[in-house]
């Protein structure tokens, strides 16, 4: 039992190792002793550990200000109601992009030299990503936004740091008259915010778009200028479909205006528009990236990317305390021959739990369905009923068939026994374990991490999970499709 607990802890995503706060979290007591302005916000719990009230916007804003000043030598401020970022979490995103750029998955043009130019979509008054990227890594940025308040304060935060101010351009996104926003927002002025308790400060109900499609200001197309090229774009999208939904978490208060928090269709619609824009701009960006607030949206977004024929997709998990966000990255640049690199590691063991299974369903039935699922895509399978395992070997063709739900006839499947002889194929084992009545654990173990197809392993396990849930689980809720950490590379035929 202890070994299982250790294994779960090891599999848990952690703060990025390059993050300044990895193994060295902010010391509230030290900050309070050095900066009197922070002292009123610090209290001590029963075990003597310093704490702050995370539902107090003034406390979270002062903490952010001091972390940027103390650890990054950045002068920063935002007015009441604007979105207040958490520095460790935002640093994770910056370092993940650094990993993408330093890997050789996507080749870098020879004429670029050492210049790294990024584009921050919706920088907000806080302008946090350009400030961190410029100060930590010397990157240059174009930072876009739509509201006058955000643009004014982003400019102030840049000008208050003259050592990096020349690296950051603040760019206004023009709002067309047809843009779907609350009344009075077409002029770029923000009228709504989330108050200090994390609830909406206005009871105005903004009708959601019936088709859940994005109908807001331009994001990349018409904002990126002709001939401009960037190494990457990044985005902290509006996660919610309504201002009421944005205020459902009273445990924290980081502020946030309507434009920062909400758009019809929520983050799915917003990121879908980024994907659509990327299909137009193609290789104007080496990497397109966005943060994602709900893991359940990743599958939809990845399928959208596959439809557009991107060359590569990557995901990761950002962890700060009890908060998890996910990162999504894709590119239209043809990948290098070496898809998996030492800079981007794979998980070789992935698992998921199936709950709510009818009691008469046995582990062997689940195992047989697993075998059939992979055979239907043309893969070679060997079931071992005594050990409750299925060994699978799949070629590129079989992996693509499985990911695109292309079912082969069984007579085609029976003729593919020679698959096992090819060293470049994907080989893995799926095991089924009985946990308790009505609950089964399914674990996938990658046999050869250095296989050129190992980046598809996570995607195949996710497809298997969806298939088994649909067949065996009585209820299929959003939380049930949440699986463990997914850091994988998905390649498609160029």
Protein backbone atom coordinates (compact mmCIF):
# COMPACT_ATOMS: atom_id res chain seq x y z
CA UNK A 1 0.00 0.00 0.00
CA UNK A 2 2.75 2.57 0.78
CA UNK A 3 4.37 1.85 -2.61
CA UNK A 4 1.13 2.77 -4.40
CA UNK A 5 0.97 6.05 -2.52
CA UNK A 6 4.56 6.85 -3.43
CA UNK A 7 3.89 6.03 -7.06
CA UNK A 8 0.88 8.36 -7.19
CA UNK A 9 2.98 11.14 -5.64
CA UNK A 10 5.74 10.66 -8.17
CA UNK A 11 3.28 10.74 -11.09
CA UNK A 12 1.76 13.99 -9.84
CA UNK A 13 2.72 17.04 -11.86
CA UNK A 14 4.88 19.50 -9.99
CA UNK A 15 6.08 23.05 -10.42
CA UNK A 16 8.52 23.45 -13.32
CA UNK A 17 12.09 22.67 -12.16
CA UNK A 18 13.38 25.92 -13.69
CA UNK A 19 10.82 27.95 -11.77
CA UNK A 20 12.40 30.22 -9.16
CA UNK A 21 9.88 28.88 -6.63
CA UNK A 22 10.53 25.17 -7.25
CA UNK A 23 11.52 23.85 -3.82
CA UNK A 24 11.58 27.42 -2.54
CA UNK A 25 8.02 28.74 -2.12
CA UNK A 26 7.44 32.40 -1.26
CA UNK A 27 8.32 33.13 2.37
CA UNK A 28 5.46 35.27 3.70
CA UNK A 29 7.20 35.92 7.02
CA UNK A 30 10.35 37.15 5.30
CA UNK A 31 8.39 39.39 2.94
CA UNK A 32 6.44 40.85 5.86
CA UNK A 33 9.68 41.62 7.72
CA UNK A 34 11.23 43.30 4.68
CA UNK A 35 8.17 45.16 3.39
CA UNK A 36 5.89 46.80 6.01
CA UNK A 37 3.09 47.15 3.44
CA UNK A 38 2.68 43.36 3.40
CA UNK A 39 2.72 42.82 7.17
CA UNK A 40 -1.02 43.59 7.78
CA UNK A 41 -1.98 40.81 5.38
CA UNK A 42 0.03 38.04 7.08
CA UNK A 43 -1.32 35.92 9.94
CA UNK A 44 -0.14 32.70 11.55
CA UNK A 45 -2.11 29.47 11.88
CA UNK A 46 -1.95 27.03 14.78
CA UNK A 47 1.26 25.39 13.66
CA UNK A 48 2.96 28.79 13.44
CA UNK A 49 3.09 28.91 9.64
CA UNK A 50 2.46 32.30 8.00
CA UNK A 51 -0.63 32.61 5.80
CA UNK A 52 -2.59 35.21 3.87
CA UNK A 53 -6.31 35.44 3.15
CA UNK A 54 -6.60 34.33 -0.48
CA UNK A 55 -10.11 35.80 -0.68
CA UNK A 56 -8.70 39.30 -0.06
CA UNK A 57 -7.86 40.95 -3.39
CA UNK A 58 -5.61 43.52 -1.69
CA UNK A 59 -3.58 40.71 -0.10
CA UNK A 60 -3.10 38.78 -3.35
CA UNK A 61 -2.23 41.95 -5.25
CA UNK A 62 0.35 43.02 -2.65
CA UNK A 63 1.88 39.54 -2.68
CA UNK A 64 2.20 39.63 -6.48
CA UNK A 65 3.71 43.13 -6.35
CA UNK A 66 6.34 42.10 -3.81
CA UNK A 67 7.26 38.83 -5.50
CA UNK A 68 7.86 40.70 -8.74
CA UNK A 69 9.88 43.35 -6.89
CA UNK A 70 11.82 41.09 -4.50
CA UNK A 71 12.54 38.17 -6.85
CA UNK A 72 12.51 39.80 -10.29
CA UNK A 73 13.34 43.47 -9.65
CA UNK A 74 10.13 44.49 -11.45
CA UNK A 75 7.98 47.48 -10.48
CA UNK A 76 4.32 46.61 -10.91
CA UNK A 77 0.79 47.61 -9.96
CA UNK A 78 -2.81 47.19 -11.14
CA UNK A 79 -5.99 49.03 -10.13
CA UNK A 80 -8.83 47.40 -8.20
CA UNK A 81 -10.82 44.80 -10.13
CA UNK A 82 -8.19 43.93 -12.72
CA UNK A 83 -6.98 40.32 -12.93
CA UNK A 84 -4.17 39.72 -10.43
CA UNK A 85 -1.82 36.93 -11.60
CA UNK A 86 -0.01 34.44 -9.40
CA UNK A 87 3.71 34.70 -10.15
CA UNK A 88 4.74 31.02 -9.68
CA UNK A 89 1.95 29.77 -11.97
CA UNK A 90 2.72 32.31 -14.70
CA UNK A 91 6.42 31.46 -14.45
CA UNK A 92 5.56 27.81 -15.15
CA UNK A 93 4.04 28.83 -18.49
CA UNK A 94 7.10 30.91 -19.42
CA UNK A 95 9.47 28.02 -18.67
CA UNK A 96 7.32 25.53 -20.58
CA UNK A 97 7.57 27.74 -23.68
CA UNK A 98 11.32 27.92 -23.04
CA UNK A 99 11.36 24.11 -23.17
CA UNK A 100 9.44 24.11 -26.45
CA UNK A 101 11.83 26.61 -28.02
CA UNK A 102 14.97 24.84 -26.79
CA UNK A 103 13.83 21.40 -28.01
CA UNK A 104 14.63 20.32 -31.55
CA UNK A 105 11.11 19.07 -32.27
CA UNK A 106 10.44 22.11 -34.45
CA UNK A 107 13.52 23.44 -36.28
CA UNK A 108 14.41 27.09 -35.84
CA UNK A 109 15.15 29.26 -38.89
CA UNK A 110 18.88 29.92 -39.27
CA UNK A 111 18.38 33.65 -39.80
CA UNK A 112 16.80 34.20 -36.37
CA UNK A 113 20.01 34.46 -34.35
CA UNK A 114 19.33 34.80 -30.64
CA UNK A 115 16.20 36.91 -31.02
CA UNK A 116 13.08 35.38 -29.43
CA UNK A 117 9.89 37.31 -30.16
CA UNK A 118 6.60 36.36 -28.57
CA UNK A 119 2.99 37.52 -28.79
CA UNK A 120 0.86 37.77 -25.62
CA UNK A 121 -2.84 37.55 -26.47
CA UNK A 122 -4.88 39.66 -24.01
CA UNK A 123 -2.04 40.84 -21.83
CA UNK A 124 -4.33 42.65 -19.37
CA UNK A 125 -3.40 45.50 -17.09
CA UNK A 126 -0.92 43.18 -15.36
CA UNK A 127 1.16 42.47 -18.51
CA UNK A 128 2.67 39.61 -16.52
CA UNK A 129 3.96 37.35 -19.29
CA UNK A 130 5.94 40.01 -21.19
CA UNK A 131 7.40 41.34 -17.92
CA UNK A 132 8.53 37.86 -16.81
CA UNK A 133 9.68 36.75 -20.25
CA UNK A 134 11.71 39.93 -20.81
CA UNK A 135 13.25 40.01 -17.33
CA UNK A 136 13.99 36.29 -17.01
CA UNK A 137 15.02 35.42 -20.55
CA UNK A 138 15.46 38.65 -22.51
CA UNK A 139 12.57 37.87 -24.88
CA UNK A 140 10.79 40.64 -26.79
CA UNK A 141 6.99 40.82 -26.95
CA UNK A 142 4.01 42.28 -28.69
CA UNK A 143 1.28 42.40 -26.03
CA UNK A 144 -2.29 42.96 -27.23
CA UNK A 145 -5.47 44.02 -25.47
CA UNK A 146 -8.80 45.67 -26.18
CA UNK A 147 -9.80 47.86 -23.20
CA UNK A 148 -8.42 51.31 -22.48
CA UNK A 149 -7.81 50.45 -18.81
CA UNK A 150 -5.77 47.33 -19.65
CA UNK A 151 -3.74 49.16 -22.29
CA UNK A 152 -3.04 52.14 -20.00
CA UNK A 153 -1.83 50.06 -17.07
CA UNK A 154 0.11 47.62 -19.22
CA UNK A 155 1.94 50.65 -20.67
CA UNK A 156 2.60 51.96 -17.16
CA UNK A 157 3.98 48.62 -15.99
CA UNK A 158 6.30 48.50 -19.00
CA UNK A 159 7.51 52.11 -18.64
CA UNK A 160 8.12 51.62 -14.91
CA UNK A 161 10.76 49.04 -15.82
CA UNK A 162 13.05 50.97 -18.19
CA UNK A 163 15.64 48.17 -18.29
CA UNK A 164 13.24 46.03 -20.34
CA UNK A 165 10.75 48.58 -21.70
CA UNK A 166 12.25 48.53 -25.20
CA UNK A 167 11.53 44.80 -25.42
CA UNK A 168 7.74 45.15 -25.03
CA UNK A 169 5.25 46.72 -27.44
CA UNK A 170 1.66 47.24 -26.24
CA UNK A 171 -0.76 46.92 -29.16
CA UNK A 172 -4.41 47.95 -29.15
CA UNK A 173 -6.97 45.61 -30.71
CA UNK A 174 -9.72 47.58 -32.36
CA UNK A 175 -13.27 46.59 -31.39
CA UNK A 176 -15.67 46.50 -34.34
CA UNK A 177 -19.27 47.71 -33.84
CA UNK A 178 -20.53 44.14 -34.29
CA UNK A 179 -18.38 42.74 -31.50
CA UNK A 180 -20.50 40.85 -28.96
CA UNK A 181 -19.79 42.49 -25.60
CA UNK A 182 -21.89 43.93 -22.77
CA UNK A 183 -23.51 47.31 -23.44
CA UNK A 184 -21.01 50.13 -23.24
CA UNK A 185 -17.93 48.03 -23.85
CA UNK A 186 -17.56 48.65 -27.59
CA UNK A 187 -15.48 51.75 -26.83
CA UNK A 188 -12.90 49.61 -25.08
CA UNK A 189 -13.86 50.66 -21.55
CA UNK A 190 -14.35 47.99 -18.92
CA UNK A 191 -17.48 48.24 -16.79
CA UNK A 192 -17.61 44.91 -15.01
CA UNK A 193 -15.32 43.16 -12.57
CA UNK A 194 -15.24 40.42 -10.01
CA UNK A 195 -15.13 41.87 -6.52
CA UNK A 196 -12.91 40.97 -3.57
CA UNK A 197 -15.01 37.97 -2.55
CA UNK A 198 -14.76 36.33 -5.96
CA UNK A 199 -18.37 37.07 -6.94
CA UNK A 200 -19.69 39.30 -9.70
CA UNK A 201 -20.01 42.97 -8.83
CA UNK A 202 -22.87 43.27 -11.31
CA UNK A 203 -26.02 41.20 -11.68
CA UNK A 204 -26.23 41.87 -15.41
CA UNK A 205 -26.87 38.63 -17.30
CA UNK A 206 -25.08 38.60 -20.64
CA UNK A 207 -26.83 36.17 -22.98
CA UNK A 208 -24.59 33.35 -24.12
CA UNK A 209 -24.16 32.78 -27.82
CA UNK A 210 -26.52 30.01 -28.92
CA UNK A 211 -23.97 28.35 -31.18
CA UNK A 212 -21.20 28.80 -28.59
CA UNK A 213 -18.94 30.35 -31.23
CA UNK A 214 -16.58 33.24 -30.54
CA UNK A 215 -17.86 36.65 -31.66
CA UNK A 216 -15.48 39.02 -29.92
CA UNK A 217 -12.60 41.28 -30.95
CA UNK A 218 -9.90 40.01 -33.31
CA UNK A 219 -7.33 37.76 -31.66
CA UNK A 220 -4.46 37.14 -34.10
CA UNK A 221 -5.74 37.72 -37.63
CA UNK A 222 -5.91 41.51 -38.27
CA UNK A 223 -3.77 42.09 -35.16
CA UNK A 224 -0.58 40.46 -36.41
CA UNK A 225 0.80 42.72 -39.15
CA UNK A 226 1.80 41.67 -42.64
CA UNK A 227 5.25 40.13 -42.69
CA UNK A 228 5.53 39.75 -38.90
CA UNK A 229 6.91 36.49 -37.54
CA UNK A 230 7.07 35.24 -33.97
CA UNK A 231 8.61 32.33 -32.13
CA UNK A 232 5.43 31.80 -30.14
CA UNK A 233 2.14 33.19 -28.94
CA UNK A 234 0.71 32.64 -25.47
CA UNK A 235 -2.64 33.29 -23.89
CA UNK A 236 -4.50 33.17 -20.59
CA UNK A 237 -7.97 32.96 -22.17
CA UNK A 238 -11.33 33.94 -20.66
CA UNK A 239 -12.26 30.67 -18.98
CA UNK A 240 -15.98 31.29 -18.40
CA UNK A 241 -19.21 31.64 -20.39
CA UNK A 242 -20.82 34.13 -18.01
CA UNK A 243 -19.81 36.51 -15.25
CA UNK A 244 -21.97 34.48 -12.84
CA UNK A 245 -19.96 31.33 -13.61
CA UNK A 246 -16.74 33.27 -13.06
CA UNK A 247 -17.80 34.03 -9.49
CA UNK A 248 -18.53 30.49 -8.37
CA UNK A 249 -15.21 29.98 -6.54
CA UNK A 250 -15.23 31.94 -3.26
CA UNK A 251 -11.95 30.41 -2.05
CA UNK A 252 -9.75 32.85 -3.94
CA UNK A 253 -10.04 36.39 -5.19
CA UNK A 254 -7.75 37.46 -7.98
CA UNK A 255 -10.12 40.02 -9.46
CA UNK A 256 -10.78 40.03 -13.16
CA UNK A 257 -12.80 42.20 -15.54
CA UNK A 258 -15.55 40.89 -17.78
CA UNK A 259 -13.20 40.90 -20.79
CA UNK A 260 -10.53 38.94 -18.91
CA UNK A 261 -12.87 36.33 -17.50
CA UNK A 262 -15.78 35.83 -19.88
CA UNK A 263 -16.70 35.27 -23.51
CA UNK A 264 -19.69 33.49 -25.07
CA UNK A 265 -18.70 29.85 -25.40
CA UNK A 266 -16.01 30.25 -22.75
CA UNK A 267 -12.43 29.09 -23.21
CA UNK A 268 -13.43 26.43 -25.75
CA UNK A 269 -14.78 29.06 -28.16
CA UNK A 270 -11.90 31.47 -27.53
CA UNK A 271 -9.13 28.90 -28.08
CA UNK A 272 -10.99 27.52 -31.08
CA UNK A 273 -10.74 31.00 -32.63
CA UNK A 274 -6.98 31.02 -31.91
CA UNK A 275 -6.77 27.65 -33.69
CA UNK A 276 -8.74 29.01 -36.66
CA UNK A 277 -6.50 32.08 -36.80
CA UNK A 278 -3.42 29.86 -36.69
CA UNK A 279 -4.70 27.99 -39.74
CA UNK A 280 -4.65 31.32 -41.58
CA UNK A 281 -1.30 32.54 -40.26
CA UNK A 282 0.35 29.09 -40.44
CA UNK A 283 4.12 29.45 -40.06
CA UNK A 284 4.01 33.11 -38.99
CA UNK A 285 4.44 31.53 -35.53
CA UNK A 286 6.81 28.70 -34.73
CA UNK A 287 4.59 27.64 -31.82
CA UNK A 288 0.99 28.55 -30.99
CA UNK A 289 0.13 28.03 -27.32
CA UNK A 290 -2.67 28.67 -24.87
CA UNK A 291 -3.50 27.90 -21.28
CA UNK A 292 -6.59 25.72 -20.76
CA UNK A 293 -8.64 25.80 -17.56
CA UNK A 294 -10.61 22.57 -18.03
CA UNK A 295 -8.96 19.34 -19.03
CA UNK A 296 -12.22 18.10 -20.53
CA UNK A 297 -11.79 20.72 -23.29
CA UNK A 298 -8.40 19.38 -24.37
CA UNK A 299 -9.78 16.43 -26.33
CA UNK A 300 -12.09 18.68 -28.36
CA UNK A 301 -9.32 21.18 -29.06
CA UNK A 302 -6.83 18.48 -30.06
CA UNK A 303 -9.37 16.95 -32.46
CA UNK A 304 -9.89 20.42 -33.96
CA UNK A 305 -6.13 20.72 -34.47
CA UNK A 306 -5.97 17.31 -36.11
CA UNK A 307 -8.67 18.37 -38.57
CA UNK A 308 -6.52 21.33 -39.62
CA UNK A 309 -3.47 19.14 -40.27
CA UNK A 310 -1.03 20.62 -37.74
CA UNK A 311 2.33 18.89 -37.63
CA UNK A 312 2.59 18.51 -33.86
CA UNK A 313 0.56 18.98 -30.66
CA UNK A 314 1.84 19.09 -27.10
CA UNK A 315 0.13 19.37 -23.74
CA UNK A 316 1.36 19.81 -20.19
CA UNK A 317 -0.06 20.48 -16.73
CA UNK A 318 0.67 23.61 -14.70
CA UNK A 319 0.46 23.09 -10.94
CA UNK A 320 0.46 25.71 -8.21
CA UNK A 321 -0.80 24.58 -4.82
CA UNK A 322 -4.26 23.05 -5.38
CA UNK A 323 -4.78 24.84 -8.70
CA UNK A 324 -4.23 23.00 -11.99
CA UNK A 325 -4.23 24.43 -15.47
CA UNK A 326 -3.18 22.81 -18.72
CA UNK A 327 -1.01 24.05 -21.55
CA UNK A 328 -1.78 23.35 -25.21
CA UNK A 329 0.80 23.96 -27.96
CA UNK A 330 0.79 23.24 -31.69
CA UNK A 331 2.72 24.10 -34.83
CA UNK A 332 2.45 24.09 -38.62
CA UNK A 333 6.22 23.97 -39.05
CA UNK A 334 7.37 20.56 -40.37
CA UNK A 335 9.00 18.70 -37.47
CA UNK A 336 12.56 17.46 -37.40
CA UNK A 337 13.10 13.74 -38.02
CA UNK A 338 13.75 13.21 -34.33
CA UNK A 339 10.31 13.73 -32.83
CA UNK A 340 11.01 12.78 -29.22
CA UNK A 341 13.98 14.61 -27.75
CA UNK A 342 15.77 14.58 -24.38
CA UNK A 343 14.30 18.04 -23.71
CA UNK A 344 10.69 16.77 -23.80
CA UNK A 345 10.22 13.63 -21.74
CA UNK A 346 7.34 11.15 -22.04
CA UNK A 347 5.42 9.36 -19.35
CA UNK A 348 5.76 5.64 -20.06
CA UNK A 349 2.97 4.61 -17.63
CA UNK A 350 -0.56 6.06 -17.81
CA UNK A 351 -3.63 4.87 -15.94
CA UNK A 352 -7.28 5.68 -15.42
CA UNK A 353 -10.05 4.47 -13.13
CA UNK A 354 -13.42 3.24 -14.40
CA UNK A 355 -16.16 3.70 -11.82
CA UNK A 356 -19.87 2.97 -11.95
CA UNK A 357 -19.42 -0.30 -13.83
CA UNK A 358 -22.23 -2.86 -13.63
CA UNK A 359 -21.24 -5.48 -11.05
CA UNK A 360 -21.71 -8.35 -13.48
CA UNK A 361 -19.00 -6.90 -15.74
CA UNK A 362 -15.71 -8.68 -15.06
CA UNK A 363 -12.12 -7.59 -15.57
CA UNK A 364 -11.76 -10.19 -18.34
CA UNK A 365 -14.64 -8.62 -20.27
CA UNK A 366 -12.92 -5.26 -20.03
CA UNK A 367 -9.70 -6.88 -21.20
CA UNK A 368 -11.45 -8.45 -24.20
CA UNK A 369 -12.98 -5.09 -25.12
CA UNK A 370 -9.53 -3.54 -24.92
CA UNK A 371 -8.19 -6.21 -27.27
CA UNK A 372 -11.05 -5.63 -29.71
CA UNK A 373 -10.58 -1.84 -29.58
CA UNK A 374 -6.98 -2.06 -30.75
CA UNK A 375 -7.64 -4.92 -33.20
CA UNK A 376 -10.34 -2.79 -34.83
CA UNK A 377 -7.66 -0.28 -35.74
CA UNK A 378 -5.45 -3.00 -37.23
CA UNK A 379 -3.00 -3.38 -34.33
CA UNK A 380 -1.55 -6.74 -33.34
CA UNK A 381 -2.77 -7.93 -29.92
CA UNK A 382 -1.90 -10.78 -27.58
CA UNK A 383 -4.25 -11.31 -24.63
CA UNK A 384 -3.07 -13.13 -21.51
CA UNK A 385 -6.12 -14.04 -19.42
CA UNK A 386 -4.07 -15.32 -16.47
CA UNK A 387 -2.20 -12.03 -15.97
CA UNK A 388 -5.07 -9.81 -17.20
CA UNK A 389 -2.89 -8.10 -19.79
CA UNK A 390 -3.00 -7.32 -23.49
CA UNK A 391 0.25 -6.69 -25.40
CA UNK A 392 -0.30 -4.33 -28.34
CA UNK A 393 1.95 -3.54 -31.30
CA UNK A 394 0.86 -0.85 -33.74
CA UNK A 395 2.34 0.81 -36.81
CA UNK A 396 1.89 4.45 -37.83
CA UNK A 397 -1.07 3.44 -39.99
CA UNK A 398 -2.74 1.61 -37.11
CA UNK A 399 -2.19 4.49 -34.67
CA UNK A 400 -3.71 6.99 -37.09
CA UNK A 401 -6.66 4.67 -37.71
CA UNK A 402 -7.31 4.37 -33.97
CA UNK A 403 -7.01 8.11 -33.38
CA UNK A 404 -9.36 8.84 -36.29
CA UNK A 405 -11.84 6.07 -35.32
CA UNK A 406 -11.28 4.16 -38.55
CA UNK A 407 -12.39 0.56 -37.99
CA UNK A 408 -10.76 -2.20 -40.06
CA UNK A 409 -12.42 -5.51 -40.93
CA UNK A 410 -11.22 -8.45 -38.86
CA UNK A 411 -9.87 -10.22 -41.95
CA UNK A 412 -7.53 -7.25 -42.43
CA UNK A 413 -6.52 -7.46 -38.79
CA UNK A 414 -5.64 -11.14 -38.98
CA UNK A 415 -3.14 -10.47 -41.78
CA UNK A 416 -0.97 -8.05 -39.82
CA UNK A 417 1.04 -10.48 -37.67
CA UNK A 418 4.25 -9.19 -39.28
CA UNK A 419 3.73 -5.87 -37.47
CA UNK A 420 5.67 -7.15 -34.50
CA UNK A 421 8.91 -7.43 -36.52
CA UNK A 422 9.25 -3.70 -37.27
CA UNK A 423 11.46 -1.91 -34.67
CA UNK A 424 9.83 1.47 -35.35
CA UNK A 425 6.36 0.35 -34.22
CA UNK A 426 4.67 1.33 -30.97
CA UNK A 427 4.57 -1.48 -28.39
CA UNK A 428 2.79 -1.25 -25.06
CA UNK A 429 0.90 -3.34 -22.53
CA UNK A 430 -2.57 -2.68 -21.09
CA UNK A 431 -3.34 -4.25 -17.70
CA UNK A 432 -6.69 -4.41 -15.88
CA UNK A 433 -6.94 -4.53 -12.08
CA UNK A 434 -10.05 -5.09 -9.94
CA UNK A 435 -10.21 -2.33 -7.30
CA UNK A 436 -13.60 -2.97 -5.70
CA UNK A 437 -17.05 -3.99 -6.98
CA UNK A 438 -17.98 -1.62 -9.78
CA UNK A 439 -14.47 -0.12 -10.09
CA UNK A 440 -11.60 -1.21 -12.33
CA UNK A 441 -8.15 0.30 -12.87
CA UNK A 442 -6.69 0.27 -16.38
CA UNK A 443 -2.97 0.87 -16.79
CA UNK A 444 -0.99 1.34 -19.99
CA UNK A 445 2.79 0.70 -19.96
CA UNK A 446 4.98 1.83 -22.85
CA UNK A 447 7.51 -0.88 -23.73
CA UNK A 448 10.03 1.18 -25.75
CA UNK A 449 10.21 4.87 -24.94
CA UNK A 450 12.64 5.58 -27.80
CA UNK A 451 10.14 4.47 -30.46
CA UNK A 452 9.45 7.22 -33.04
CA UNK A 453 5.74 6.71 -32.31
CA UNK A 454 5.95 6.95 -28.50
CA UNK A 455 4.41 10.41 -28.64
CA UNK A 456 1.11 8.79 -29.67
CA UNK A 457 0.93 6.60 -26.57
CA UNK A 458 -0.99 9.09 -24.41
CA UNK A 459 -3.49 9.84 -27.19
CA UNK A 460 -4.20 6.13 -27.70
CA UNK A 461 -4.76 5.56 -23.98
CA UNK A 462 -7.17 8.52 -23.92
CA UNK A 463 -9.06 7.04 -26.87
CA UNK A 464 -9.22 3.68 -25.10
CA UNK A 465 -10.54 5.33 -21.95
CA UNK A 466 -13.31 7.10 -23.85
CA UNK A 467 -14.31 3.85 -25.57
CA UNK A 468 -14.44 1.82 -22.36
CA UNK A 469 -16.34 4.51 -20.47
CA UNK A 470 -18.92 4.69 -23.24
CA UNK A 471 -19.39 0.92 -23.21
CA UNK A 472 -19.25 0.05 -19.52
CA UNK A 473 -19.86 3.09 -17.29
CA UNK A 474 -23.42 3.89 -16.29
CA UNK A 475 -22.79 7.61 -15.90
CA UNK A 476 -20.38 9.68 -17.89
CA UNK A 477 -19.72 13.03 -16.22
CA UNK A 478 -17.16 15.70 -17.02
CA UNK A 479 -15.07 14.78 -14.00
CA UNK A 480 -14.82 11.15 -15.11
CA UNK A 481 -12.83 11.99 -18.19
CA UNK A 482 -10.15 13.63 -16.05
CA UNK A 483 -7.09 11.39 -16.18
CA UNK A 484 -3.57 11.80 -14.88
CA UNK A 485 -0.82 14.04 -16.23
CA UNK A 486 -0.73 14.10 -20.04
CA UNK A 487 2.52 15.30 -21.51
CA UNK A 488 2.70 13.94 -25.02
CA UNK A 489 3.58 14.69 -28.59
CA UNK A 490 0.99 14.02 -31.26
CA UNK A 491 2.26 13.90 -34.83
CA UNK A 492 0.25 13.68 -38.00
CA UNK A 493 1.34 13.02 -41.55
CA UNK A 494 2.73 16.26 -42.99
